[in-house]
N, C-alpha and C. Protein backbone atom coordinates (compact mmCIF):
# COMPACT_ATOMS: atom_id res chain seq x y z
N MET A 1 0.83 -1.17 0.00
CA MET A 1 0.00 0.00 0.00
C MET A 1 0.88 1.24 0.00
N VAL A 2 0.61 2.16 -0.89
CA VAL A 2 1.38 3.38 -1.01
C VAL A 2 0.83 4.41 -0.02
N PRO A 3 1.72 5.02 0.80
CA PRO A 3 1.23 6.02 1.75
C PRO A 3 0.60 7.21 1.03
N SER A 4 -0.43 7.74 1.63
CA SER A 4 -1.13 8.89 1.07
C SER A 4 -0.29 10.16 1.24
N ARG A 5 -0.36 11.03 0.26
CA ARG A 5 0.34 12.31 0.36
C ARG A 5 -0.55 13.38 0.98
N ASP A 6 -1.81 13.04 1.22
CA ASP A 6 -2.75 13.97 1.82
C ASP A 6 -2.46 14.06 3.32
N PRO A 7 -2.08 15.25 3.85
CA PRO A 7 -1.72 15.36 5.27
C PRO A 7 -2.91 15.15 6.21
N SER A 8 -4.14 15.21 5.70
CA SER A 8 -5.30 15.02 6.58
C SER A 8 -5.55 13.55 6.87
N ILE A 9 -4.90 12.64 6.14
CA ILE A 9 -5.05 11.21 6.36
C ILE A 9 -3.79 10.70 7.04
N ALA A 10 -3.95 10.31 8.31
CA ALA A 10 -2.79 9.83 9.06
C ALA A 10 -2.52 8.37 8.71
N PRO A 11 -1.24 8.00 8.59
CA PRO A 11 -0.93 6.61 8.32
C PRO A 11 -1.33 5.74 9.49
N SER A 12 -1.82 4.57 9.20
CA SER A 12 -2.26 3.64 10.23
C SER A 12 -1.21 2.55 10.42
N PRO A 13 -0.71 2.38 11.65
CA PRO A 13 0.27 1.31 11.87
C PRO A 13 -0.37 -0.05 11.63
N SER A 14 0.43 -1.01 11.17
CA SER A 14 -0.12 -2.33 10.86
C SER A 14 -0.62 -3.03 12.11
N GLY A 15 -0.01 -2.79 13.27
CA GLY A 15 -0.48 -3.39 14.51
C GLY A 15 -1.86 -2.90 14.88
N ASN A 16 -2.16 -1.68 14.50
CA ASN A 16 -3.47 -1.10 14.78
C ASN A 16 -4.56 -1.89 14.07
N ALA A 17 -4.32 -2.31 12.85
CA ALA A 17 -5.32 -3.06 12.09
C ALA A 17 -5.60 -4.41 12.76
N LEU A 18 -4.57 -5.07 13.25
CA LEU A 18 -4.75 -6.35 13.92
C LEU A 18 -5.55 -6.17 15.22
N LEU A 19 -5.24 -5.11 15.97
CA LEU A 19 -5.98 -4.85 17.20
C LEU A 19 -7.45 -4.58 16.91
N ARG A 20 -7.73 -3.79 15.85
CA ARG A 20 -9.12 -3.52 15.47
C ARG A 20 -9.84 -4.81 15.09
N LEU A 21 -9.16 -5.68 14.38
CA LEU A 21 -9.75 -6.96 13.98
C LEU A 21 -10.11 -7.79 15.21
N VAL A 22 -9.22 -7.80 16.21
CA VAL A 22 -9.47 -8.58 17.42
C VAL A 22 -10.68 -8.05 18.17
N TRP A 23 -10.71 -6.75 18.47
CA TRP A 23 -11.81 -6.26 19.28
C TRP A 23 -13.13 -6.18 18.52
N MET A 24 -13.10 -6.02 17.21
CA MET A 24 -14.35 -5.95 16.46
C MET A 24 -14.95 -7.33 16.21
N SER A 25 -14.13 -8.37 16.19
CA SER A 25 -14.66 -9.71 15.93
C SER A 25 -14.85 -10.52 17.20
N ALA A 26 -14.61 -9.94 18.35
CA ALA A 26 -14.68 -10.69 19.60
C ALA A 26 -16.09 -11.17 19.92
N LEU A 27 -17.10 -10.35 19.74
CA LEU A 27 -18.44 -10.73 20.15
C LEU A 27 -18.96 -11.95 19.38
N PRO A 28 -18.82 -12.03 18.06
CA PRO A 28 -19.28 -13.25 17.39
C PRO A 28 -18.56 -14.52 17.87
N VAL A 29 -17.28 -14.41 18.16
CA VAL A 29 -16.52 -15.57 18.65
C VAL A 29 -16.99 -15.94 20.05
N VAL A 30 -17.25 -14.93 20.89
CA VAL A 30 -17.76 -15.18 22.23
C VAL A 30 -19.11 -15.89 22.17
N LEU A 31 -19.99 -15.44 21.29
CA LEU A 31 -21.30 -16.07 21.17
C LEU A 31 -21.19 -17.51 20.66
N LEU A 32 -20.22 -17.77 19.78
CA LEU A 32 -19.98 -19.13 19.32
C LEU A 32 -19.51 -20.01 20.48
N LEU A 33 -18.61 -19.51 21.29
CA LEU A 33 -18.15 -20.27 22.45
C LEU A 33 -19.30 -20.54 23.42
N ILE A 34 -20.17 -19.56 23.60
CA ILE A 34 -21.30 -19.74 24.50
C ILE A 34 -22.26 -20.80 23.94
N ALA A 35 -22.41 -20.85 22.63
CA ALA A 35 -23.24 -21.90 22.03
C ALA A 35 -22.62 -23.28 22.28
N LEU A 36 -21.30 -23.37 22.24
CA LEU A 36 -20.64 -24.64 22.56
C LEU A 36 -20.84 -25.01 24.02
N ILE A 37 -20.84 -24.01 24.90
CA ILE A 37 -21.07 -24.26 26.32
C ILE A 37 -22.50 -24.77 26.53
N ALA A 38 -23.46 -24.21 25.80
CA ALA A 38 -24.85 -24.64 25.93
C ALA A 38 -25.02 -26.08 25.49
N ASP A 39 -24.15 -26.56 24.62
CA ASP A 39 -24.24 -27.93 24.14
C ASP A 39 -23.71 -28.93 25.16
N SER A 40 -22.97 -28.46 26.15
CA SER A 40 -22.42 -29.36 27.17
C SER A 40 -23.41 -29.52 28.32
N GLU A 41 -23.00 -30.25 29.34
CA GLU A 41 -23.88 -30.45 30.48
C GLU A 41 -24.13 -29.14 31.21
N ARG A 42 -25.24 -29.11 31.93
CA ARG A 42 -25.62 -27.89 32.62
C ARG A 42 -24.72 -27.62 33.82
N TRP A 43 -24.41 -26.36 34.03
CA TRP A 43 -23.64 -25.84 35.16
C TRP A 43 -22.32 -26.56 35.37
N THR A 44 -21.59 -26.66 34.29
CA THR A 44 -20.24 -27.20 34.35
C THR A 44 -19.27 -26.07 34.04
N PHE A 45 -18.04 -26.24 34.47
CA PHE A 45 -17.00 -25.26 34.16
C PHE A 45 -15.85 -26.03 33.55
N GLY A 46 -15.56 -25.72 32.27
CA GLY A 46 -14.53 -26.48 31.57
C GLY A 46 -13.60 -25.60 30.78
N ALA A 47 -12.91 -26.23 29.84
CA ALA A 47 -11.91 -25.53 29.03
C ALA A 47 -12.54 -24.43 28.17
N THR A 48 -13.76 -24.66 27.69
CA THR A 48 -14.42 -23.65 26.86
C THR A 48 -14.69 -22.38 27.67
N ASP A 49 -15.04 -22.56 28.94
CA ASP A 49 -15.27 -21.41 29.81
C ASP A 49 -13.98 -20.61 30.03
N ILE A 50 -12.88 -21.32 30.18
CA ILE A 50 -11.59 -20.65 30.37
C ILE A 50 -11.20 -19.89 29.10
N VAL A 51 -11.39 -20.51 27.95
CA VAL A 51 -11.10 -19.83 26.67
C VAL A 51 -11.97 -18.58 26.55
N LEU A 52 -13.23 -18.68 26.97
CA LEU A 52 -14.14 -17.54 26.92
C LEU A 52 -13.62 -16.38 27.76
N VAL A 53 -13.19 -16.65 28.97
CA VAL A 53 -12.68 -15.61 29.86
C VAL A 53 -11.40 -14.99 29.28
N VAL A 54 -10.51 -15.81 28.77
CA VAL A 54 -9.27 -15.30 28.16
C VAL A 54 -9.59 -14.43 26.95
N LEU A 55 -10.53 -14.87 26.12
CA LEU A 55 -10.92 -14.09 24.95
C LEU A 55 -11.52 -12.75 25.34
N LEU A 56 -12.36 -12.74 26.36
CA LEU A 56 -12.93 -11.47 26.82
C LEU A 56 -11.83 -10.52 27.28
N GLY A 57 -10.88 -11.03 28.05
CA GLY A 57 -9.77 -10.19 28.52
C GLY A 57 -8.92 -9.67 27.36
N ALA A 58 -8.66 -10.55 26.39
CA ALA A 58 -7.85 -10.15 25.23
C ALA A 58 -8.56 -9.10 24.38
N ALA A 59 -9.87 -9.26 24.20
CA ALA A 59 -10.62 -8.29 23.40
C ALA A 59 -10.65 -6.92 24.07
N ILE A 60 -10.86 -6.90 25.38
CA ILE A 60 -10.87 -5.63 26.10
C ILE A 60 -9.49 -4.99 26.09
N ALA A 61 -8.45 -5.80 26.28
CA ALA A 61 -7.08 -5.27 26.23
C ALA A 61 -6.76 -4.73 24.83
N ALA A 62 -7.20 -5.44 23.79
CA ALA A 62 -6.94 -4.97 22.42
C ALA A 62 -7.62 -3.64 22.17
N ARG A 63 -8.86 -3.48 22.66
CA ARG A 63 -9.57 -2.21 22.47
C ARG A 63 -8.87 -1.09 23.23
N ALA A 64 -8.43 -1.38 24.45
CA ALA A 64 -7.74 -0.36 25.25
C ALA A 64 -6.41 0.05 24.61
N ILE A 65 -5.64 -0.92 24.15
CA ILE A 65 -4.35 -0.61 23.52
C ILE A 65 -4.58 0.17 22.22
N ASP A 66 -5.57 -0.25 21.44
CA ASP A 66 -5.88 0.45 20.20
C ASP A 66 -6.23 1.91 20.47
N THR A 67 -7.00 2.15 21.51
CA THR A 67 -7.43 3.51 21.83
C THR A 67 -6.33 4.33 22.47
N LEU A 68 -5.70 3.78 23.49
CA LEU A 68 -4.77 4.57 24.30
C LEU A 68 -3.37 4.69 23.69
N ARG A 69 -2.92 3.67 23.00
CA ARG A 69 -1.56 3.72 22.43
C ARG A 69 -1.55 4.16 20.98
N PHE A 70 -2.48 3.63 20.19
CA PHE A 70 -2.48 3.91 18.76
C PHE A 70 -3.50 4.96 18.35
N HIS A 71 -4.19 5.56 19.33
CA HIS A 71 -5.20 6.59 19.04
C HIS A 71 -6.19 6.09 17.99
N GLY A 72 -6.74 4.89 18.25
CA GLY A 72 -7.65 4.25 17.32
C GLY A 72 -8.95 4.99 17.16
N SER A 73 -9.80 4.45 16.30
CA SER A 73 -11.09 5.07 16.04
C SER A 73 -12.19 4.05 16.30
N THR A 74 -13.41 4.56 16.37
CA THR A 74 -14.56 3.69 16.55
C THR A 74 -14.90 3.02 15.23
N ALA A 75 -15.89 2.16 15.25
CA ALA A 75 -16.32 1.50 14.01
C ALA A 75 -16.88 2.51 13.02
N ASP A 76 -17.34 3.66 13.53
CA ASP A 76 -17.89 4.72 12.68
C ASP A 76 -16.82 5.68 12.17
N GLY A 77 -15.58 5.50 12.62
CA GLY A 77 -14.50 6.36 12.16
C GLY A 77 -14.20 7.54 13.07
N GLU A 78 -14.94 7.69 14.17
CA GLU A 78 -14.68 8.76 15.13
C GLU A 78 -13.44 8.40 15.97
N PRO A 79 -12.73 9.39 16.49
CA PRO A 79 -11.62 9.08 17.39
C PRO A 79 -12.14 8.38 18.65
N SER A 80 -11.50 7.31 19.02
CA SER A 80 -11.92 6.53 20.18
C SER A 80 -11.39 7.17 21.46
N THR A 81 -12.19 7.11 22.52
CA THR A 81 -11.81 7.69 23.81
C THR A 81 -11.85 6.61 24.88
N ARG A 82 -11.39 6.98 26.06
CA ARG A 82 -11.44 6.07 27.20
C ARG A 82 -12.89 5.66 27.50
N ALA A 83 -13.83 6.56 27.30
CA ALA A 83 -15.25 6.26 27.53
C ALA A 83 -15.72 5.15 26.58
N HIS A 84 -15.23 5.17 25.35
CA HIS A 84 -15.58 4.10 24.40
C HIS A 84 -15.08 2.75 24.90
N VAL A 85 -13.87 2.74 25.45
CA VAL A 85 -13.29 1.49 25.95
C VAL A 85 -14.12 0.97 27.12
N VAL A 86 -14.49 1.85 28.04
CA VAL A 86 -15.28 1.44 29.20
C VAL A 86 -16.64 0.92 28.76
N ARG A 87 -17.28 1.61 27.82
CA ARG A 87 -18.59 1.17 27.32
C ARG A 87 -18.47 -0.17 26.61
N TYR A 88 -17.43 -0.34 25.81
CA TYR A 88 -17.20 -1.61 25.10
C TYR A 88 -17.01 -2.75 26.11
N ALA A 89 -16.17 -2.52 27.12
CA ALA A 89 -15.90 -3.56 28.11
C ALA A 89 -17.17 -3.92 28.88
N ALA A 90 -17.92 -2.91 29.30
CA ALA A 90 -19.15 -3.17 30.06
C ALA A 90 -20.17 -3.93 29.21
N THR A 91 -20.31 -3.54 27.96
CA THR A 91 -21.27 -4.22 27.07
C THR A 91 -20.83 -5.65 26.80
N LEU A 92 -19.56 -5.84 26.46
CA LEU A 92 -19.07 -7.17 26.13
C LEU A 92 -19.19 -8.11 27.33
N VAL A 93 -18.81 -7.65 28.50
CA VAL A 93 -18.86 -8.49 29.69
C VAL A 93 -20.31 -8.79 30.10
N SER A 94 -21.18 -7.78 30.09
CA SER A 94 -22.56 -8.02 30.53
C SER A 94 -23.32 -8.92 29.54
N VAL A 95 -23.14 -8.72 28.25
CA VAL A 95 -23.78 -9.60 27.26
C VAL A 95 -23.24 -11.02 27.40
N SER A 96 -21.95 -11.15 27.60
CA SER A 96 -21.34 -12.47 27.73
C SER A 96 -21.82 -13.19 28.99
N ILE A 97 -21.89 -12.48 30.10
CA ILE A 97 -22.36 -13.11 31.35
C ILE A 97 -23.82 -13.54 31.21
N ALA A 98 -24.65 -12.66 30.66
CA ALA A 98 -26.06 -13.02 30.48
C ALA A 98 -26.22 -14.23 29.57
N ALA A 99 -25.50 -14.25 28.47
CA ALA A 99 -25.58 -15.38 27.54
C ALA A 99 -25.00 -16.65 28.16
N TRP A 100 -23.94 -16.51 28.96
CA TRP A 100 -23.34 -17.66 29.62
C TRP A 100 -24.31 -18.28 30.63
N VAL A 101 -25.00 -17.44 31.41
CA VAL A 101 -25.98 -17.95 32.38
C VAL A 101 -27.11 -18.68 31.66
N VAL A 102 -27.60 -18.11 30.58
CA VAL A 102 -28.65 -18.78 29.80
C VAL A 102 -28.12 -20.10 29.24
N ALA A 103 -26.91 -20.07 28.71
CA ALA A 103 -26.33 -21.29 28.13
C ALA A 103 -26.13 -22.38 29.18
N GLN A 104 -25.77 -21.99 30.38
CA GLN A 104 -25.60 -22.98 31.45
C GLN A 104 -26.94 -23.51 31.96
N SER A 105 -27.99 -22.75 31.75
CA SER A 105 -29.31 -23.13 32.27
C SER A 105 -30.08 -24.06 31.34
N VAL A 106 -29.72 -24.12 30.09
CA VAL A 106 -30.46 -24.94 29.12
C VAL A 106 -29.52 -25.96 28.49
N THR A 107 -30.11 -26.99 27.95
CA THR A 107 -29.34 -27.94 27.15
C THR A 107 -29.96 -27.99 25.78
N ILE A 108 -29.10 -28.12 24.80
CA ILE A 108 -29.59 -28.13 23.42
C ILE A 108 -29.77 -29.57 22.97
């Protein structure tokens, strides 16, 4: 990719793109893991649950690093702030916990 000569377009570090990919794709992967948990026995704690917790932590860390170190942007292209990171973390964790409780309560 050839860098733009337009000074209003800042170059994006390649690490920034990977971080955006991680935090933007985390929720679908989390929901897939929760579906796998629902397929197992009720109220068990296993390897899938551990992977889920690690993925949640990695997604939140990726969003925070993208925002605070690389001055990332939101999905809409706005500059991301600390408030965006907090809102993302709260939403991701609360949706995941609610879906996990439902998944543990039912069997497919």
